[in-house]
């Protein structure tokens, strides 16, 4: 089994009624690049998270994503799910 690691950067926008909605995710294989990407997106969004995703698609193995960092306002229920 060969797990591959991907970092996913998800920005959050504030909707018309004040709710936070995810924007288009961005992927990279490098943790430092993901964090730098989140830092550069943060001034333009309500919040940004970085997730680490590990999987072996060929074997059908998908591990739970891990929260790497959160910047600004992100949905608290999402943070609770990722922390569990």
PDB file of N, CA and C in Angstrom:
ATOM      1  N   UNK A   1       0.847  -1.177   0.000  1.00  0.00           N
ATOM      2  CA  UNK A   1       0.000   0.000   0.000  1.00  0.00           C
ATOM      3  C   UNK A   1       0.889   1.235   0.000  1.00  0.00           C
ATOM      4  N   UNK A   2       0.639   2.115  -0.937  1.00  0.00           N
ATOM      5  CA  UNK A   2       1.415   3.347  -1.046  1.00  0.00           C
ATOM      6  C   UNK A   2       0.487   4.546  -0.888  1.00  0.00           C
ATOM      7  N   UNK A   3       0.478   5.090   0.310  1.00  0.00           N
ATOM      8  CA  UNK A   3      -0.352   6.267   0.558  1.00  0.00           C
ATOM      9  C   UNK A   3       0.290   7.502  -0.055  1.00  0.00           C
ATOM     10  N   UNK A   4      -0.513   8.313  -0.699  1.00  0.00           N
ATOM     11  CA  UNK A   4      -0.035   9.598  -1.194  1.00  0.00           C
ATOM     12  C   UNK A   4      -0.675  10.692  -0.347  1.00  0.00           C
ATOM     13  N   UNK A   5       0.066  11.752  -0.144  1.00  0.00           N
ATOM     14  CA  UNK A   5      -0.413  12.868   0.668  1.00  0.00           C
ATOM     15  C   UNK A   5      -0.671  14.065  -0.232  1.00  0.00           C
ATOM     16  N   UNK A   6      -1.841  14.635  -0.062  1.00  0.00           N
ATOM     17  CA  UNK A   6      -2.224  15.839  -0.784  1.00  0.00           C
ATOM     18  C   UNK A   6      -2.715  16.862   0.232  1.00  0.00           C
ATOM     19  N   UNK A   7      -2.329  18.103   0.045  1.00  0.00           N
ATOM     20  CA  UNK A   7      -2.803  19.191   0.901  1.00  0.00           C
ATOM     21  C   UNK A   7      -3.857  19.962   0.123  1.00  0.00           C
ATOM     22  N   UNK A   8      -4.979  20.205   0.784  1.00  0.00           N
ATOM     23  CA  UNK A   8      -6.101  20.877   0.149  1.00  0.00           C
ATOM     24  C   UNK A   8      -6.360  22.195   0.883  1.00  0.00           C
ATOM     25  N   UNK A   9      -6.368  23.270   0.129  1.00  0.00           N
ATOM     26  CA  UNK A   9      -6.607  24.612   0.674  1.00  0.00           C
ATOM     27  C   UNK A   9      -8.025  25.015   0.275  1.00  0.00           C
ATOM     28  N   UNK A  10      -8.856  25.306   1.281  1.00  0.00           N
ATOM     29  CA  UNK A  10     -10.256  25.656   1.027  1.00  0.00           C
ATOM     30  C   UNK A  10     -10.544  27.043   1.602  1.00  0.00           C
ATOM     31  N   UNK A  11     -10.839  28.020   0.731  1.00  0.00           N
ATOM     32  CA  UNK A  11     -11.229  29.345   1.223  1.00  0.00           C
ATOM     33  C   UNK A  11     -12.729  29.362   1.523  1.00  0.00           C
ATOM     34  N   UNK A  12     -13.157  30.251   2.424  1.00  0.00           N
ATOM     35  CA  UNK A  12     -14.569  30.385   2.761  1.00  0.00           C
ATOM     36  C   UNK A  12     -15.028  31.806   2.494  1.00  0.00           C
ATOM     37  N   UNK A  13     -16.185  31.899   1.853  1.00  0.00           N
ATOM     38  CA  UNK A  13     -16.816  33.172   1.520  1.00  0.00           C
ATOM     39  C   UNK A  13     -18.014  33.398   2.437  1.00  0.00           C
ATOM     40  N   UNK A  14     -18.350  34.656   2.680  1.00  0.00           N
ATOM     41  CA  UNK A  14     -19.559  34.975   3.437  1.00  0.00           C
ATOM     42  C   UNK A  14     -20.694  35.142   2.439  1.00  0.00           C
ATOM     43  N   UNK A  15     -21.773  34.351   2.640  1.00  0.00           N
ATOM     44  CA  UNK A  15     -22.934  34.398   1.758  1.00  0.00           C
ATOM     45  C   UNK A  15     -23.829  35.584   2.058  1.00  0.00           C
ATOM     46  N   UNK A  16     -24.903  35.685   1.298  1.00  0.00           N
ATOM     47  CA  UNK A  16     -25.837  36.802   1.409  1.00  0.00           C
ATOM     48  C   UNK A  16     -26.453  36.918   2.799  1.00  0.00           C
ATOM     49  N   UNK A  17     -26.665  35.805   3.469  1.00  0.00           N
ATOM     50  CA  UNK A  17     -27.283  35.830   4.795  1.00  0.00           C
ATOM     51  C   UNK A  17     -26.258  35.651   5.913  1.00  0.00           C
ATOM     52  N   UNK A  18     -25.008  35.840   5.598  1.00  0.00           N
ATOM     53  CA  UNK A  18     -23.963  35.776   6.607  1.00  0.00           C
ATOM     54  C   UNK A  18     -23.370  34.401   6.845  1.00  0.00           C
ATOM     55  N   UNK A  19     -23.889  33.383   6.179  1.00  0.00           N
ATOM     56  CA  UNK A  19     -23.357  32.026   6.340  1.00  0.00           C
ATOM     57  C   UNK A  19     -22.056  31.875   5.556  1.00  0.00           C
ATOM     58  N   UNK A  20     -21.166  31.048   6.064  1.00  0.00           N
ATOM     59  CA  UNK A  20     -19.907  30.776   5.378  1.00  0.00           C
ATOM     60  C   UNK A  20     -20.086  29.641   4.384  1.00  0.00           C
ATOM     61  N   UNK A  21     -19.535  29.832   3.187  1.00  0.00           N
ATOM     62  CA  UNK A  21     -19.635  28.835   2.126  1.00  0.00           C
ATOM     63  C   UNK A  21     -18.241  28.553   1.576  1.00  0.00           C
ATOM     64  N   UNK A  22     -17.925  27.283   1.299  1.00  0.00           N
ATOM     65  CA  UNK A  22     -16.600  26.981   0.761  1.00  0.00           C
ATOM     66  C   UNK A  22     -16.459  27.474  -0.682  1.00  0.00           C
ATOM     67  N   UNK A  23     -15.261  27.964  -0.977  1.00  0.00           N
ATOM     68  CA  UNK A  23     -14.928  28.349  -2.339  1.00  0.00           C
ATOM     69  C   UNK A  23     -14.245  27.177  -3.036  1.00  0.00           C
ATOM     70  N   UNK A  24     -13.653  27.445  -4.163  1.00  0.00           N
ATOM     71  CA  UNK A  24     -12.984  26.400  -4.941  1.00  0.00           C
ATOM     72  C   UNK A  24     -11.733  25.912  -4.203  1.00  0.00           C
ATOM     73  N   UNK A  25     -11.623  24.597  -3.973  1.00  0.00           N
ATOM     74  CA  UNK A  25     -10.433  24.072  -3.306  1.00  0.00           C
ATOM     75  C   UNK A  25      -9.232  24.075  -4.244  1.00  0.00           C
ATOM     76  N   UNK A  26      -8.062  24.180  -3.648  1.00  0.00           N
ATOM     77  CA  UNK A  26      -6.805  24.135  -4.396  1.00  0.00           C
ATOM     78  C   UNK A  26      -5.957  23.025  -3.788  1.00  0.00           C
ATOM     79  N   UNK A  27      -5.278  22.258  -4.624  1.00  0.00           N
ATOM     80  CA  UNK A  27      -4.484  21.125  -4.139  1.00  0.00           C
ATOM     81  C   UNK A  27      -3.006  21.319  -4.431  1.00  0.00           C
ATOM     82  N   UNK A  28      -2.189  20.777  -3.527  1.00  0.00           N
ATOM     83  CA  UNK A  28      -0.743  20.768  -3.712  1.00  0.00           C
ATOM     84  C   UNK A  28      -0.179  19.569  -2.955  1.00  0.00           C
ATOM     85  N   UNK A  29       0.999  19.134  -3.324  1.00  0.00           N
ATOM     86  CA  UNK A  29       1.636  17.998  -2.658  1.00  0.00           C
ATOM     87  C   UNK A  29       2.576  18.427  -1.542  1.00  0.00           C
ATOM     88  N   UNK A  30       2.769  19.743  -1.378  1.00  0.00           N
ATOM     89  CA  UNK A  30       3.762  20.249  -0.429  1.00  0.00           C
ATOM     90  C   UNK A  30       3.079  21.054   0.677  1.00  0.00           C
ATOM     91  N   UNK A  31       3.335  20.662   1.928  1.00  0.00           N
ATOM     92  CA  UNK A  31       2.716  21.325   3.089  1.00  0.00           C
ATOM     93  C   UNK A  31       3.034  22.820   3.124  1.00  0.00           C
ATOM     94  N   UNK A  32       4.294  23.189   2.957  1.00  0.00           N
ATOM     95  CA  UNK A  32       4.700  24.594   3.001  1.00  0.00           C
ATOM     96  C   UNK A  32       4.017  25.422   1.929  1.00  0.00           C
ATOM     97  N   UNK A  33       3.845  24.848   0.758  1.00  0.00           N
ATOM     98  CA  UNK A  33       3.157  25.534  -0.328  1.00  0.00           C
ATOM     99  C   UNK A  33       1.689  25.757   0.026  1.00  0.00           C
ATOM    100  N   UNK A  34       1.069  24.758   0.652  1.00  0.00           N
ATOM    101  CA  UNK A  34      -0.338  24.870   1.044  1.00  0.00           C
ATOM    102  C   UNK A  34      -0.520  25.986   2.076  1.00  0.00           C
ATOM    103  N   UNK A  35       0.368  26.044   3.051  1.00  0.00           N
ATOM    104  CA  UNK A  35       0.268  27.076   4.081  1.00  0.00           C
ATOM    105  C   UNK A  35       0.516  28.460   3.482  1.00  0.00           C
ATOM    106  N   UNK A  36       1.488  28.567   2.596  1.00  0.00           N
ATOM    107  CA  UNK A  36       1.752  29.844   1.928  1.00  0.00           C
ATOM    108  C   UNK A  36       0.555  30.262   1.066  1.00  0.00           C
ATOM    109  N   UNK A  37      -0.072  29.296   0.413  1.00  0.00           N
ATOM    110  CA  UNK A  37      -1.254  29.570  -0.398  1.00  0.00           C
ATOM    111  C   UNK A  37      -2.390  30.090   0.493  1.00  0.00           C
ATOM    112  N   UNK A  38      -2.586  29.453   1.642  1.00  0.00           N
ATOM    113  CA  UNK A  38      -3.625  29.886   2.582  1.00  0.00           C
ATOM    114  C   UNK A  38      -3.345  31.307   3.066  1.00  0.00           C
ATOM    115  N   UNK A  39      -2.089  31.586   3.391  1.00  0.00           N
ATOM    116  CA  UNK A  39      -1.717  32.933   3.837  1.00  0.00           C
ATOM    117  C   UNK A  39      -1.996  33.976   2.761  1.00  0.00           C
ATOM    118  N   UNK A  40      -1.738  33.629   1.499  1.00  0.00           N
ATOM    119  CA  UNK A  40      -1.950  34.595   0.419  1.00  0.00           C
ATOM    120  C   UNK A  40      -3.436  34.777   0.099  1.00  0.00           C
ATOM    121  N   UNK A  41      -4.258  33.757   0.353  1.00  0.00           N
ATOM    122  CA  UNK A  41      -5.693  33.870   0.102  1.00  0.00           C
ATOM    123  C   UNK A  41      -6.443  34.556   1.242  1.00  0.00           C
ATOM    124  N   UNK A  42      -5.920  34.465   2.453  1.00  0.00           N
ATOM    125  CA  UNK A  42      -6.611  34.940   3.657  1.00  0.00           C
ATOM    126  C   UNK A  42      -7.125  36.388   3.577  1.00  0.00           C
ATOM    127  N   UNK A  43      -6.362  37.334   3.016  1.00  0.00           N
ATOM    128  CA  UNK A  43      -6.879  38.712   2.971  1.00  0.00           C
ATOM    129  C   UNK A  43      -8.115  38.890   2.080  1.00  0.00           C
ATOM    130  N   UNK A  44      -8.381  37.938   1.198  1.00  0.00           N
ATOM    131  CA  UNK A  44      -9.469  38.064   0.236  1.00  0.00           C
ATOM    132  C   UNK A  44     -10.708  37.247   0.596  1.00  0.00           C
ATOM    133  N   UNK A  45     -10.625  36.457   1.650  1.00  0.00           N
ATOM    134  CA  UNK A  45     -11.724  35.577   2.060  1.00  0.00           C
ATOM    135  C   UNK A  45     -11.999  35.748   3.546  1.00  0.00           C
ATOM    136  N   UNK A  46     -13.159  35.265   3.985  1.00  0.00           N
ATOM    137  CA  UNK A  46     -13.496  35.315   5.406  1.00  0.00           C
ATOM    138  C   UNK A  46     -12.565  34.403   6.202  1.00  0.00           C
ATOM    139  N   UNK A  47     -12.191  33.294   5.620  1.00  0.00           N
ATOM    140  CA  UNK A  47     -11.308  32.344   6.276  1.00  0.00           C
ATOM    141  C   UNK A  47     -10.776  31.322   5.282  1.00  0.00           C
ATOM    142  N   UNK A  48      -9.764  30.577   5.712  1.00  0.00           N
ATOM    143  CA  UNK A  48      -9.133  29.564   4.863  1.00  0.00           C
ATOM    144  C   UNK A  48      -8.692  28.410   5.768  1.00  0.00           C
ATOM    145  N   UNK A  49      -8.873  27.180   5.281  1.00  0.00           N
ATOM    146  CA  UNK A  49      -8.327  26.031   5.996  1.00  0.00           C
ATOM    147  C   UNK A  49      -7.400  25.258   5.081  1.00  0.00           C
ATOM    148  N   UNK A  50      -6.478  24.528   5.702  1.00  0.00           N
ATOM    149  CA  UNK A  50      -5.596  23.614   4.987  1.00  0.00           C
ATOM    150  C   UNK A  50      -5.822  22.230   5.583  1.00  0.00           C
ATOM    151  N   UNK A  51      -6.114  21.262   4.721  1.00  0.00           N
ATOM    152  CA  UNK A  51      -6.314  19.882   5.136  1.00  0.00           C
ATOM    153  C   UNK A  51      -5.232  18.999   4.545  1.00  0.00           C
ATOM    154  N   UNK A  52      -4.843  17.977   5.302  1.00  0.00           N
ATOM    155  CA  UNK A  52      -3.941  16.953   4.763  1.00  0.00           C
ATOM    156  C   UNK A  52      -4.798  15.728   4.456  1.00  0.00           C
ATOM    157  N   UNK A  53      -4.745  15.266   3.219  1.00  0.00           N
ATOM    158  CA  UNK A  53      -5.512  14.111   2.783  1.00  0.00           C
ATOM    159  C   UNK A  53      -4.534  13.008   2.394  1.00  0.00           C
ATOM    160  N   UNK A  54      -4.734  11.807   2.949  1.00  0.00           N
ATOM    161  CA  UNK A  54      -3.856  10.671   2.619  1.00  0.00           C
ATOM    162  C   UNK A  54      -4.718   9.555   2.062  1.00  0.00           C
ATOM    163  N   UNK A  55      -4.299   8.994   0.925  1.00  0.00           N
ATOM    164  CA  UNK A  55      -5.091   7.960   0.272  1.00  0.00           C
ATOM    165  C   UNK A  55      -4.227   7.086  -0.620  1.00  0.00           C
ATOM    166  N   UNK A  56      -4.730   5.887  -0.845  1.00  0.00           N
ATOM    167  CA  UNK A  56      -4.200   4.983  -1.854  1.00  0.00           C
ATOM    168  C   UNK A  56      -5.398   4.617  -2.711  1.00  0.00           C
ATOM    169  N   UNK A  57      -5.621   5.389  -3.760  1.00  0.00           N
ATOM    170  CA  UNK A  57      -6.813   5.210  -4.592  1.00  0.00           C
ATOM    171  C   UNK A  57      -6.849   3.828  -5.235  1.00  0.00           C
ATOM    172  N   UNK A  58      -5.696   3.302  -5.638  1.00  0.00           N
ATOM    173  CA  UNK A  58      -5.657   1.993  -6.277  1.00  0.00           C
ATOM    174  C   UNK A  58      -6.153   0.894  -5.342  1.00  0.00           C
ATOM    175  N   UNK A  59      -5.846   1.019  -4.059  1.00  0.00           N
ATOM    176  CA  UNK A  59      -6.265   0.017  -3.077  1.00  0.00           C
ATOM    177  C   UNK A  59      -7.605   0.364  -2.439  1.00  0.00           C
ATOM    178  N   UNK A  60      -8.153   1.539  -2.754  1.00  0.00           N
ATOM    179  CA  UNK A  60      -9.421   1.957  -2.176  1.00  0.00           C
ATOM    180  C   UNK A  60      -9.311   2.370  -0.718  1.00  0.00           C
ATOM    181  N   UNK A  61      -8.125   2.835  -0.318  1.00  0.00           N
ATOM    182  CA  UNK A  61      -7.899   3.252   1.069  1.00  0.00           C
ATOM    183  C   UNK A  61      -7.890   4.775   1.119  1.00  0.00           C
ATOM    184  N   UNK A  62      -8.806   5.336   1.920  1.00  0.00           N
ATOM    185  CA  UNK A  62      -8.912   6.775   2.079  1.00  0.00           C
ATOM    186  C   UNK A  62      -8.971   7.085   3.566  1.00  0.00           C
ATOM    187  N   UNK A  63      -7.956   7.750   4.089  1.00  0.00           N
ATOM    188  CA  UNK A  63      -7.914   8.087   5.506  1.00  0.00           C
ATOM    189  C   UNK A  63      -8.667   9.393   5.762  1.00  0.00           C
ATOM    190  N   UNK A  64      -9.031   9.608   7.016  1.00  0.00           N
ATOM    191  CA  UNK A  64      -9.710  10.836   7.395  1.00  0.00           C
ATOM    192  C   UNK A  64      -8.783  12.026   7.157  1.00  0.00           C
ATOM    193  N   UNK A  65      -9.319  13.140   6.632  1.00  0.00           N
ATOM    194  CA  UNK A  65      -8.479  14.325   6.461  1.00  0.00           C
ATOM    195  C   UNK A  65      -8.087  14.901   7.815  1.00  0.00           C
ATOM    196  N   UNK A  66      -6.936  15.535   7.857  1.00  0.00           N
ATOM    197  CA  UNK A  66      -6.416  16.139   9.080  1.00  0.00           C
ATOM    198  C   UNK A  66      -6.308  17.645   8.867  1.00  0.00           C
ATOM    199  N   UNK A  67      -6.809  18.418   9.829  1.00  0.00           N
ATOM    200  CA  UNK A  67      -6.705  19.867   9.753  1.00  0.00           C
ATOM    201  C   UNK A  67      -5.268  20.284  10.041  1.00  0.00           C
ATOM    202  N   UNK A  68      -4.661  20.990   9.110  1.00  0.00           N
ATOM    203  CA  UNK A  68      -3.290  21.477   9.276  1.00  0.00           C
ATOM    204  C   UNK A  68      -3.313  22.877   9.878  1.00  0.00           C
ATOM    205  N   UNK A  69      -4.148  23.756   9.342  1.00  0.00           N
ATOM    206  CA  UNK A  69      -4.275  25.098   9.911  1.00  0.00           C
ATOM    207  C   UNK A  69      -5.589  25.731   9.478  1.00  0.00           C
ATOM    208  N   UNK A  70      -6.020  26.701  10.257  1.00  0.00           N
ATOM    209  CA  UNK A  70      -7.222  27.476   9.961  1.00  0.00           C
ATOM    210  C   UNK A  70      -6.892  28.944  10.186  1.00  0.00           C
ATOM    211  N   UNK A  71      -7.286  29.780   9.237  1.00  0.00           N
ATOM    212  CA  UNK A  71      -7.031  31.213   9.313  1.00  0.00           C
ATOM    213  C   UNK A  71      -8.367  31.937   9.164  1.00  0.00           C
ATOM    214  N   UNK A  72      -8.653  32.871  10.044  1.00  0.00           N
ATOM    215  CA  UNK A  72      -9.870  33.662   9.935  1.00  0.00           C
ATOM    216  C   UNK A  72     -11.107  32.904  10.366  1.00  0.00           C
ATOM    217  N   UNK A  73     -12.245  33.258   9.766  1.00  0.00           N
ATOM    218  CA  UNK A  73     -13.530  32.651  10.104  1.00  0.00           C
ATOM    219  C   UNK A  73     -13.773  31.421   9.239  1.00  0.00           C
ATOM    220  N   UNK A  74     -13.965  30.303   9.905  1.00  0.00           N
ATOM    221  CA  UNK A  74     -14.333  29.061   9.224  1.00  0.00           C
ATOM    222  C   UNK A  74     -15.487  28.448  10.000  1.00  0.00           C
ATOM    223  N   UNK A  75     -16.325  27.634   9.355  1.00  0.00           N
ATOM    224  CA  UNK A  75     -17.473  27.054  10.052  1.00  0.00           C
ATOM    225  C   UNK A  75     -17.036  26.230  11.265  1.00  0.00           C
ATOM    226  N   UNK A  76     -17.573  26.571  12.442  1.00  0.00           N
ATOM    227  CA  UNK A  76     -17.173  25.888  13.665  1.00  0.00           C
ATOM    228  C   UNK A  76     -17.560  24.414  13.643  1.00  0.00           C
ATOM    229  N   UNK A  77     -18.684  24.069  13.003  1.00  0.00           N
ATOM    230  CA  UNK A  77     -19.076  22.672  12.936  1.00  0.00           C
ATOM    231  C   UNK A  77     -18.096  21.846  12.099  1.00  0.00           C
ATOM    232  N   UNK A  78     -17.494  22.459  11.108  1.00  0.00           N
ATOM    233  CA  UNK A  78     -16.479  21.774  10.313  1.00  0.00           C
ATOM    234  C   UNK A  78     -15.229  21.514  11.160  1.00  0.00           C
ATOM    235  N   UNK A  79     -14.824  22.504  11.921  1.00  0.00           N
ATOM    236  CA  UNK A  79     -13.661  22.327  12.790  1.00  0.00           C
ATOM    237  C   UNK A  79     -13.901  21.238  13.831  1.00  0.00           C
ATOM    238  N   UNK A  80     -15.129  21.168  14.351  1.00  0.00           N
ATOM    239  CA  UNK A  80     -15.456  20.117  15.329  1.00  0.00           C
ATOM    240  C   UNK A  80     -15.383  18.733  14.690  1.00  0.00           C
ATOM    241  N   UNK A  81     -15.855  18.613  13.456  1.00  0.00           N
ATOM    242  CA  UNK A  81     -15.819  17.322  12.746  1.00  0.00           C
ATOM    243  C   UNK A  81     -14.374  16.894  12.482  1.00  0.00           C
ATOM    244  N   UNK A  82     -13.544  17.842  12.104  1.00  0.00           N
ATOM    245  CA  UNK A  82     -12.154  17.521  11.794  1.00  0.00           C
ATOM    246  C   UNK A  82     -11.345  17.199  13.049  1.00  0.00           C
ATOM    247  N   UNK A  83     -11.766  17.757  14.179  1.00  0.00           N
ATOM    248  CA  UNK A  83     -11.056  17.514  15.428  1.00  0.00           C
ATOM    249  C   UNK A  83     -11.453  16.178  16.055  1.00  0.00           C
ATOM    250  N   UNK A  84     -12.610  15.651  15.684  1.00  0.00           N
ATOM    251  CA  UNK A  84     -13.109  14.398  16.283  1.00  0.00           C
ATOM    252  C   UNK A  84     -12.379  13.188  15.772  1.00  0.00           C
TER     253      UNK A  84
END
